[in-house]
């Protein structure tokens, strides 16, 4: 989980890198924080995409489910939807 303090630290390291450069320890910290940030964003996006339900016909809905980057489409039973 990304906290506001982590984002502030990422920004502070980026600013310092532009102004005067970073030490080896700071470069490692920056890489770790960036990786954590990107993994969190990707996880949230994947979760959002896995929960999308496409409804073209109110009687039939298609749910997209991703497993290991292999997407499958499942058609829900029409009886599950009523008007």
PDB file of N, CA and C in Angstrom:
ATOM      1  N   UNK A   1       0.846  -1.173   0.000  1.00  0.00           N
ATOM      2  CA  UNK A   1       0.000   0.000   0.000  1.00  0.00           C
ATOM      3  C   UNK A   1       0.896   1.242   0.000  1.00  0.00           C
ATOM      4  N   UNK A   2       0.518   2.183  -0.778  1.00  0.00           N
ATOM      5  CA  UNK A   2       1.267   3.428  -0.891  1.00  0.00           C
ATOM      6  C   UNK A   2       0.683   4.447   0.081  1.00  0.00           C
ATOM      7  N   UNK A   3       1.548   5.019   0.887  1.00  0.00           N
ATOM      8  CA  UNK A   3       1.123   6.041   1.840  1.00  0.00           C
ATOM      9  C   UNK A   3       1.552   7.413   1.325  1.00  0.00           C
ATOM     10  N   UNK A   4       0.934   8.471   1.817  1.00  0.00           N
ATOM     11  CA  UNK A   4       1.356   9.824   1.415  1.00  0.00           C
ATOM     12  C   UNK A   4       2.826  10.088   1.731  1.00  0.00           C
ATOM     13  N   UNK A   5       3.324   9.498   2.815  1.00  0.00           N
ATOM     14  CA  UNK A   5       4.729   9.675   3.174  1.00  0.00           C
ATOM     15  C   UNK A   5       5.645   9.044   2.135  1.00  0.00           C
ATOM     16  N   UNK A   6       5.240   7.899   1.606  1.00  0.00           N
ATOM     17  CA  UNK A   6       6.035   7.241   0.573  1.00  0.00           C
ATOM     18  C   UNK A   6       6.082   8.083  -0.702  1.00  0.00           C
ATOM     19  N   UNK A   7       4.956   8.650  -1.067  1.00  0.00           N
ATOM     20  CA  UNK A   7       4.911   9.504  -2.254  1.00  0.00           C
ATOM     21  C   UNK A   7       5.779  10.740  -2.045  1.00  0.00           C
ATOM     22  N   UNK A   8       5.732  11.316  -0.849  1.00  0.00           N
ATOM     23  CA  UNK A   8       6.592  12.465  -0.551  1.00  0.00           C
ATOM     24  C   UNK A   8       8.061  12.078  -0.662  1.00  0.00           C
ATOM     25  N   UNK A   9       8.408  10.888  -0.188  1.00  0.00           N
ATOM     26  CA  UNK A   9       9.803  10.441  -0.254  1.00  0.00           C
ATOM     27  C   UNK A   9      10.219  10.203  -1.709  1.00  0.00           C
ATOM     28  N   UNK A  10       9.346   9.610  -2.506  1.00  0.00           N
ATOM     29  CA  UNK A  10       9.633   9.403  -3.931  1.00  0.00           C
ATOM     30  C   UNK A  10       9.898  10.749  -4.603  1.00  0.00           C
ATOM     31  N   UNK A  11       9.051  11.724  -4.325  1.00  0.00           N
ATOM     32  CA  UNK A  11       9.208  13.055  -4.918  1.00  0.00           C
ATOM     33  C   UNK A  11      10.475  13.746  -4.428  1.00  0.00           C
ATOM     34  N   UNK A  12      10.789  13.600  -3.145  1.00  0.00           N
ATOM     35  CA  UNK A  12      11.996  14.222  -2.596  1.00  0.00           C
ATOM     36  C   UNK A  12      13.254  13.622  -3.237  1.00  0.00           C
ATOM     37  N   UNK A  13      13.258  12.317  -3.428  1.00  0.00           N
ATOM     38  CA  UNK A  13      14.404  11.678  -4.064  1.00  0.00           C
ATOM     39  C   UNK A  13      14.531  12.099  -5.529  1.00  0.00           C
ATOM     40  N   UNK A  14      13.408  12.240  -6.214  1.00  0.00           N
ATOM     41  CA  UNK A  14      13.443  12.679  -7.615  1.00  0.00           C
ATOM     42  C   UNK A  14      13.989  14.100  -7.720  1.00  0.00           C
ATOM     43  N   UNK A  15      13.564  14.955  -6.820  1.00  0.00           N
ATOM     44  CA  UNK A  15      14.042  16.343  -6.821  1.00  0.00           C
ATOM     45  C   UNK A  15      15.544  16.397  -6.524  1.00  0.00           C
ATOM     46  N   UNK A  16      15.967  15.630  -5.525  1.00  0.00           N
ATOM     47  CA  UNK A  16      17.385  15.618  -5.158  1.00  0.00           C
ATOM     48  C   UNK A  16      18.231  15.055  -6.300  1.00  0.00           C
ATOM     49  N   UNK A  17      17.705  14.056  -6.986  1.00  0.00           N
ATOM     50  CA  UNK A  17      18.440  13.464  -8.107  1.00  0.00           C
ATOM     51  C   UNK A  17      18.685  14.496  -9.202  1.00  0.00           C
ATOM     52  N   UNK A  18      17.681  15.332  -9.480  1.00  0.00           N
ATOM     53  CA  UNK A  18      17.823  16.381 -10.492  1.00  0.00           C
ATOM     54  C   UNK A  18      18.804  17.458 -10.056  1.00  0.00           C
ATOM     55  N   UNK A  19      18.767  17.811  -8.785  1.00  0.00           N
ATOM     56  CA  UNK A  19      19.562  18.936  -8.284  1.00  0.00           C
ATOM     57  C   UNK A  19      21.019  18.575  -8.015  1.00  0.00           C
ATOM     58  N   UNK A  20      21.259  17.445  -7.337  1.00  0.00           N
ATOM     59  CA  UNK A  20      22.633  17.146  -6.937  1.00  0.00           C
ATOM     60  C   UNK A  20      23.032  15.694  -7.091  1.00  0.00           C
ATOM     61  N   UNK A  21      22.114  14.854  -7.441  1.00  0.00           N
ATOM     62  CA  UNK A  21      22.428  13.436  -7.579  1.00  0.00           C
ATOM     63  C   UNK A  21      22.148  12.670  -6.296  1.00  0.00           C
ATOM     64  N   UNK A  22      22.106  11.360  -6.414  1.00  0.00           N
ATOM     65  CA  UNK A  22      21.790  10.497  -5.279  1.00  0.00           C
ATOM     66  C   UNK A  22      22.959   9.573  -4.969  1.00  0.00           C
ATOM     67  N   UNK A  23      23.053   9.183  -3.717  1.00  0.00           N
ATOM     68  CA  UNK A  23      24.041   8.191  -3.310  1.00  0.00           C
ATOM     69  C   UNK A  23      23.545   6.811  -3.734  1.00  0.00           C
ATOM     70  N   UNK A  24      24.399   5.823  -3.628  1.00  0.00           N
ATOM     71  CA  UNK A  24      24.021   4.451  -3.982  1.00  0.00           C
ATOM     72  C   UNK A  24      22.853   3.970  -3.116  1.00  0.00           C
ATOM     73  N   UNK A  25      22.881   4.324  -1.842  1.00  0.00           N
ATOM     74  CA  UNK A  25      21.811   3.928  -0.918  1.00  0.00           C
ATOM     75  C   UNK A  25      20.492   4.584  -1.328  1.00  0.00           C
ATOM     76  N   UNK A  26      20.550   5.866  -1.684  1.00  0.00           N
ATOM     77  CA  UNK A  26      19.343   6.583  -2.104  1.00  0.00           C
ATOM     78  C   UNK A  26      18.823   6.058  -3.441  1.00  0.00           C
ATOM     79  N   UNK A  27      19.725   5.695  -4.352  1.00  0.00           N
ATOM     80  CA  UNK A  27      19.296   5.111  -5.624  1.00  0.00           C
ATOM     81  C   UNK A  27      18.567   3.788  -5.396  1.00  0.00           C
ATOM     82  N   UNK A  28      19.074   2.979  -4.485  1.00  0.00           N
ATOM     83  CA  UNK A  28      18.425   1.708  -4.163  1.00  0.00           C
ATOM     84  C   UNK A  28      17.058   1.953  -3.521  1.00  0.00           C
ATOM     85  N   UNK A  29      16.985   2.933  -2.620  1.00  0.00           N
ATOM     86  CA  UNK A  29      15.711   3.267  -1.979  1.00  0.00           C
ATOM     87  C   UNK A  29      14.706   3.756  -3.019  1.00  0.00           C
ATOM     88  N   UNK A  30      15.168   4.602  -3.935  1.00  0.00           N
ATOM     89  CA  UNK A  30      14.291   5.129  -4.979  1.00  0.00           C
ATOM     90  C   UNK A  30      13.754   3.994  -5.853  1.00  0.00           C
ATOM     91  N   UNK A  31      14.625   3.066  -6.229  1.00  0.00           N
ATOM     92  CA  UNK A  31      14.198   1.935  -7.059  1.00  0.00           C
ATOM     93  C   UNK A  31      13.172   1.074  -6.331  1.00  0.00           C
ATOM     94  N   UNK A  32      13.393   0.841  -5.049  1.00  0.00           N
ATOM     95  CA  UNK A  32      12.464   0.044  -4.248  1.00  0.00           C
ATOM     96  C   UNK A  32      11.110   0.729  -4.135  1.00  0.00           C
ATOM     97  N   UNK A  33      11.113   2.021  -3.851  1.00  0.00           N
ATOM     98  CA  UNK A  33       9.856   2.767  -3.727  1.00  0.00           C
ATOM     99  C   UNK A  33       9.102   2.825  -5.050  1.00  0.00           C
ATOM    100  N   UNK A  34       9.826   3.031  -6.126  1.00  0.00           N
ATOM    101  CA  UNK A  34       9.178   3.066  -7.445  1.00  0.00           C
ATOM    102  C   UNK A  34       8.557   1.722  -7.780  1.00  0.00           C
ATOM    103  N   UNK A  35       9.280   0.632  -7.501  1.00  0.00           N
ATOM    104  CA  UNK A  35       8.759  -0.701  -7.787  1.00  0.00           C
ATOM    105  C   UNK A  35       7.490  -0.960  -6.972  1.00  0.00           C
ATOM    106  N   UNK A  36       7.497  -0.595  -5.703  1.00  0.00           N
ATOM    107  CA  UNK A  36       6.324  -0.760  -4.851  1.00  0.00           C
ATOM    108  C   UNK A  36       5.151   0.051  -5.386  1.00  0.00           C
ATOM    109  N   UNK A  37       5.420   1.288  -5.789  1.00  0.00           N
ATOM    110  CA  UNK A  37       4.380   2.166  -6.334  1.00  0.00           C
ATOM    111  C   UNK A  37       3.783   1.550  -7.603  1.00  0.00           C
ATOM    112  N   UNK A  38       4.631   1.131  -8.531  1.00  0.00           N
ATOM    113  CA  UNK A  38       4.140   0.562  -9.787  1.00  0.00           C
ATOM    114  C   UNK A  38       3.392  -0.748  -9.567  1.00  0.00           C
ATOM    115  N   UNK A  39       3.888  -1.588  -8.677  1.00  0.00           N
ATOM    116  CA  UNK A  39       3.192  -2.847  -8.377  1.00  0.00           C
ATOM    117  C   UNK A  39       1.815  -2.588  -7.787  1.00  0.00           C
ATOM    118  N   UNK A  40       1.705  -1.578  -6.941  1.00  0.00           N
ATOM    119  CA  UNK A  40       0.413  -1.224  -6.347  1.00  0.00           C
ATOM    120  C   UNK A  40      -0.555  -0.736  -7.409  1.00  0.00           C
ATOM    121  N   UNK A  41      -0.089   0.149  -8.286  1.00  0.00           N
ATOM    122  CA  UNK A  41      -0.945   0.681  -9.351  1.00  0.00           C
ATOM    123  C   UNK A  41      -1.389  -0.447 -10.289  1.00  0.00           C
ATOM    124  N   UNK A  42      -0.466  -1.307 -10.666  1.00  0.00           N
ATOM    125  CA  UNK A  42      -0.812  -2.431 -11.552  1.00  0.00           C
ATOM    126  C   UNK A  42      -1.815  -3.370 -10.887  1.00  0.00           C
ATOM    127  N   UNK A  43      -1.629  -3.618  -9.602  1.00  0.00           N
ATOM    128  CA  UNK A  43      -2.557  -4.480  -8.874  1.00  0.00           C
ATOM    129  C   UNK A  43      -3.955  -3.901  -8.826  1.00  0.00           C
ATOM    130  N   UNK A  44      -4.038  -2.600  -8.593  1.00  0.00           N
ATOM    131  CA  UNK A  44      -5.350  -1.945  -8.567  1.00  0.00           C
ATOM    132  C   UNK A  44      -6.012  -1.995  -9.938  1.00  0.00           C
ATOM    133  N   UNK A  45      -5.232  -1.744 -10.987  1.00  0.00           N
ATOM    134  CA  UNK A  45      -5.771  -1.774 -12.345  1.00  0.00           C
ATOM    135  C   UNK A  45      -6.243  -3.176 -12.702  1.00  0.00           C
ATOM    136  N   UNK A  46      -5.439  -4.181 -12.379  1.00  0.00           N
ATOM    137  CA  UNK A  46      -5.821  -5.566 -12.667  1.00  0.00           C
ATOM    138  C   UNK A  46      -7.108  -5.934 -11.938  1.00  0.00           C
ATOM    139  N   UNK A  47      -7.207  -5.538 -10.679  1.00  0.00           N
ATOM    140  CA  UNK A  47      -8.401  -5.825  -9.904  1.00  0.00           C
ATOM    141  C   UNK A  47      -9.631  -5.162 -10.522  1.00  0.00           C
ATOM    142  N   UNK A  48      -9.470  -3.927 -10.953  1.00  0.00           N
ATOM    143  CA  UNK A  48     -10.569  -3.206 -11.591  1.00  0.00           C
ATOM    144  C   UNK A  48     -10.986  -3.898 -12.876  1.00  0.00           C
ATOM    145  N   UNK A  49     -10.006  -4.265 -13.696  1.00  0.00           N
ATOM    146  CA  UNK A  49     -10.321  -4.907 -14.972  1.00  0.00           C
ATOM    147  C   UNK A  49     -10.964  -6.270 -14.788  1.00  0.00           C
ATOM    148  N   UNK A  50     -10.553  -6.998 -13.763  1.00  0.00           N
ATOM    149  CA  UNK A  50     -11.126  -8.318 -13.516  1.00  0.00           C
ATOM    150  C   UNK A  50     -12.577  -8.240 -13.052  1.00  0.00           C
ATOM    151  N   UNK A  51     -12.990  -7.086 -12.560  1.00  0.00           N
ATOM    152  CA  UNK A  51     -14.359  -6.935 -12.062  1.00  0.00           C
ATOM    153  C   UNK A  51     -15.269  -6.215 -13.032  1.00  0.00           C
ATOM    154  N   UNK A  52     -14.820  -6.019 -14.259  1.00  0.00           N
ATOM    155  CA  UNK A  52     -15.654  -5.364 -15.264  1.00  0.00           C
ATOM    156  C   UNK A  52     -16.635  -6.371 -15.826  1.00  0.00           C
ATOM    157  N   UNK A  53     -17.861  -5.959 -15.937  1.00  0.00           N
ATOM    158  CA  UNK A  53     -18.900  -6.785 -16.533  1.00  0.00           C
ATOM    159  C   UNK A  53     -19.454  -6.023 -17.723  1.00  0.00           C
ATOM    160  N   UNK A  54     -19.401  -6.643 -18.887  1.00  0.00           N
ATOM    161  CA  UNK A  54     -19.874  -5.998 -20.108  1.00  0.00           C
ATOM    162  C   UNK A  54     -21.289  -6.475 -20.369  1.00  0.00           C
ATOM    163  N   UNK A  55     -22.221  -5.520 -20.474  1.00  0.00           N
ATOM    164  CA  UNK A  55     -23.617  -5.855 -20.723  1.00  0.00           C
ATOM    165  C   UNK A  55     -24.025  -5.222 -22.041  1.00  0.00           C
ATOM    166  N   UNK A  56     -24.233  -6.070 -23.050  1.00  0.00           N
ATOM    167  CA  UNK A  56     -24.667  -5.601 -24.354  1.00  0.00           C
ATOM    168  C   UNK A  56     -26.169  -5.796 -24.481  1.00  0.00           C
ATOM    169  N   UNK A  57     -26.643  -6.896 -23.985  1.00  0.00           N
ATOM    170  CA  UNK A  57     -28.054  -7.236 -23.985  1.00  0.00           C
ATOM    171  C   UNK A  57     -28.440  -7.443 -22.523  1.00  0.00           C
ATOM    172  N   UNK A  58     -29.468  -6.740 -22.044  1.00  0.00           N
ATOM    173  CA  UNK A  58     -29.827  -6.882 -20.624  1.00  0.00           C
ATOM    174  C   UNK A  58     -30.105  -8.323 -20.198  1.00  0.00           C
ATOM    175  N   UNK A  59     -30.406  -9.197 -21.157  1.00  0.00           N
ATOM    176  CA  UNK A  59     -30.686 -10.589 -20.816  1.00  0.00           C
ATOM    177  C   UNK A  59     -29.414 -11.420 -20.715  1.00  0.00           C
ATOM    178  N   UNK A  60     -28.311 -10.892 -21.226  1.00  0.00           N
ATOM    179  CA  UNK A  60     -27.055 -11.625 -21.201  1.00  0.00           C
ATOM    180  C   UNK A  60     -25.921 -10.678 -20.845  1.00  0.00           C
ATOM    181  N   UNK A  61     -25.105 -11.081 -19.907  1.00  0.00           N
ATOM    182  CA  UNK A  61     -23.953 -10.272 -19.507  1.00  0.00           C
ATOM    183  C   UNK A  61     -22.698 -11.116 -19.677  1.00  0.00           C
ATOM    184  N   UNK A  62     -21.623 -10.469 -20.038  1.00  0.00           N
ATOM    185  CA  UNK A  62     -20.347 -11.150 -20.203  1.00  0.00           C
ATOM    186  C   UNK A  62     -19.396 -10.609 -19.156  1.00  0.00           C
ATOM    187  N   UNK A  63     -18.806 -11.500 -18.394  1.00  0.00           N
ATOM    188  CA  UNK A  63     -17.825 -11.124 -17.386  1.00  0.00           C
ATOM    189  C   UNK A  63     -16.451 -11.554 -17.880  1.00  0.00           C
ATOM    190  N   UNK A  64     -15.503 -10.633 -17.865  1.00  0.00           N
ATOM    191  CA  UNK A  64     -14.144 -10.931 -18.290  1.00  0.00           C
ATOM    192  C   UNK A  64     -13.325 -11.285 -17.055  1.00  0.00           C
ATOM    193  N   UNK A  65     -12.671 -12.435 -17.083  1.00  0.00           N
ATOM    194  CA  UNK A  65     -11.862 -12.873 -15.955  1.00  0.00           C
ATOM    195  C   UNK A  65     -10.448 -13.133 -16.471  1.00  0.00           C
ATOM    196  N   UNK A  66      -9.460 -12.565 -15.813  1.00  0.00           N
ATOM    197  CA  UNK A  66      -8.075 -12.767 -16.235  1.00  0.00           C
ATOM    198  C   UNK A  66      -7.344 -13.671 -15.263  1.00  0.00           C
ATOM    199  N   UNK A  67      -6.641 -14.648 -15.807  1.00  0.00           N
ATOM    200  CA  UNK A  67      -5.797 -15.527 -15.005  1.00  0.00           C
ATOM    201  C   UNK A  67      -4.461 -15.636 -15.713  1.00  0.00           C
ATOM    202  N   UNK A  68      -3.420 -15.134 -15.071  1.00  0.00           N
ATOM    203  CA  UNK A  68      -2.073 -15.209 -15.634  1.00  0.00           C
ATOM    204  C   UNK A  68      -2.023 -14.628 -17.043  1.00  0.00           C
ATOM    205  N   UNK A  69      -2.636 -13.491 -17.231  1.00  0.00           N
ATOM    206  CA  UNK A  69      -2.687 -12.783 -18.499  1.00  0.00           C
ATOM    207  C   UNK A  69      -3.387 -13.577 -19.598  1.00  0.00           C
ATOM    208  N   UNK A  70      -4.124 -14.612 -19.261  1.00  0.00           N
ATOM    209  CA  UNK A  70      -4.908 -15.378 -20.216  1.00  0.00           C
ATOM    210  C   UNK A  70      -6.368 -15.055 -19.934  1.00  0.00           C
ATOM    211  N   UNK A  71      -7.004 -14.283 -20.817  1.00  0.00           N
ATOM    212  CA  UNK A  71      -8.367 -13.829 -20.568  1.00  0.00           C
ATOM    213  C   UNK A  71      -9.379 -14.828 -21.102  1.00  0.00           C
ATOM    214  N   UNK A  72     -10.430 -15.052 -20.312  1.00  0.00           N
ATOM    215  CA  UNK A  72     -11.528 -15.912 -20.717  1.00  0.00           C
ATOM    216  C   UNK A  72     -12.816 -15.112 -20.554  1.00  0.00           C
ATOM    217  N   UNK A  73     -13.751 -15.320 -21.433  1.00  0.00           N
ATOM    218  CA  UNK A  73     -15.054 -14.662 -21.329  1.00  0.00           C
ATOM    219  C   UNK A  73     -16.071 -15.709 -20.872  1.00  0.00           C
ATOM    220  N   UNK A  74     -16.797 -15.373 -19.844  1.00  0.00           N
ATOM    221  CA  UNK A  74     -17.845 -16.249 -19.345  1.00  0.00           C
ATOM    222  C   UNK A  74     -19.186 -15.577 -19.570  1.00  0.00           C
ATOM    223  N   UNK A  75     -20.133 -16.318 -20.101  1.00  0.00           N
ATOM    224  CA  UNK A  75     -21.462 -15.780 -20.333  1.00  0.00           C
ATOM    225  C   UNK A  75     -22.336 -16.190 -19.165  1.00  0.00           C
ATOM    226  N   UNK A  76     -22.939 -15.198 -18.523  1.00  0.00           N
ATOM    227  CA  UNK A  76     -23.817 -15.469 -17.390  1.00  0.00           C
ATOM    228  C   UNK A  76     -25.167 -15.963 -17.885  1.00  0.00           C
ATOM    229  N   UNK A  77     -25.847 -16.688 -17.037  1.00  0.00           N
ATOM    230  CA  UNK A  77     -27.159 -17.210 -17.368  1.00  0.00           C
ATOM    231  C   UNK A  77     -28.152 -16.071 -17.574  1.00  0.00           C
ATOM    232  N   UNK A  78     -28.942 -16.092 -18.660  1.00  0.00           N
ATOM    233  CA  UNK A  78     -29.919 -15.030 -18.899  1.00  0.00           C
ATOM    234  C   UNK A  78     -30.978 -14.946 -17.809  1.00  0.00           C
ATOM    235  N   UNK A  79     -31.259 -16.045 -17.141  1.00  0.00           N
ATOM    236  CA  UNK A  79     -32.288 -16.033 -16.103  1.00  0.00           C
ATOM    237  C   UNK A  79     -31.870 -15.202 -14.897  1.00  0.00           C
ATOM    238  N   UNK A  80     -30.603 -14.865 -14.796  1.00  0.00           N
ATOM    239  CA  UNK A  80     -30.115 -14.085 -13.657  1.00  0.00           C
ATOM    240  C   UNK A  80     -30.516 -12.620 -13.779  1.00  0.00           C
ATOM    241  N   UNK A  81     -30.953 -12.217 -14.961  1.00  0.00           N
ATOM    242  CA  UNK A  81     -31.310 -10.820 -15.199  1.00  0.00           C
ATOM    243  C   UNK A  81     -32.788 -10.694 -15.471  1.00  0.00           C
ATOM    244  N   UNK A  82     -33.393  -9.803 -14.757  1.00  0.00           N
ATOM    245  CA  UNK A  82     -34.829  -9.580 -14.968  1.00  0.00           C
ATOM    246  C   UNK A  82     -35.049  -8.107 -15.266  1.00  0.00           C
ATOM    247  N   UNK A  83     -36.149  -7.793 -15.878  1.00  0.00           N
ATOM    248  CA  UNK A  83     -36.456  -6.394 -16.209  1.00  0.00           C
ATOM    249  C   UNK A  83     -37.262  -5.749 -15.112  1.00  0.00           C
TER     250      UNK A  83
END
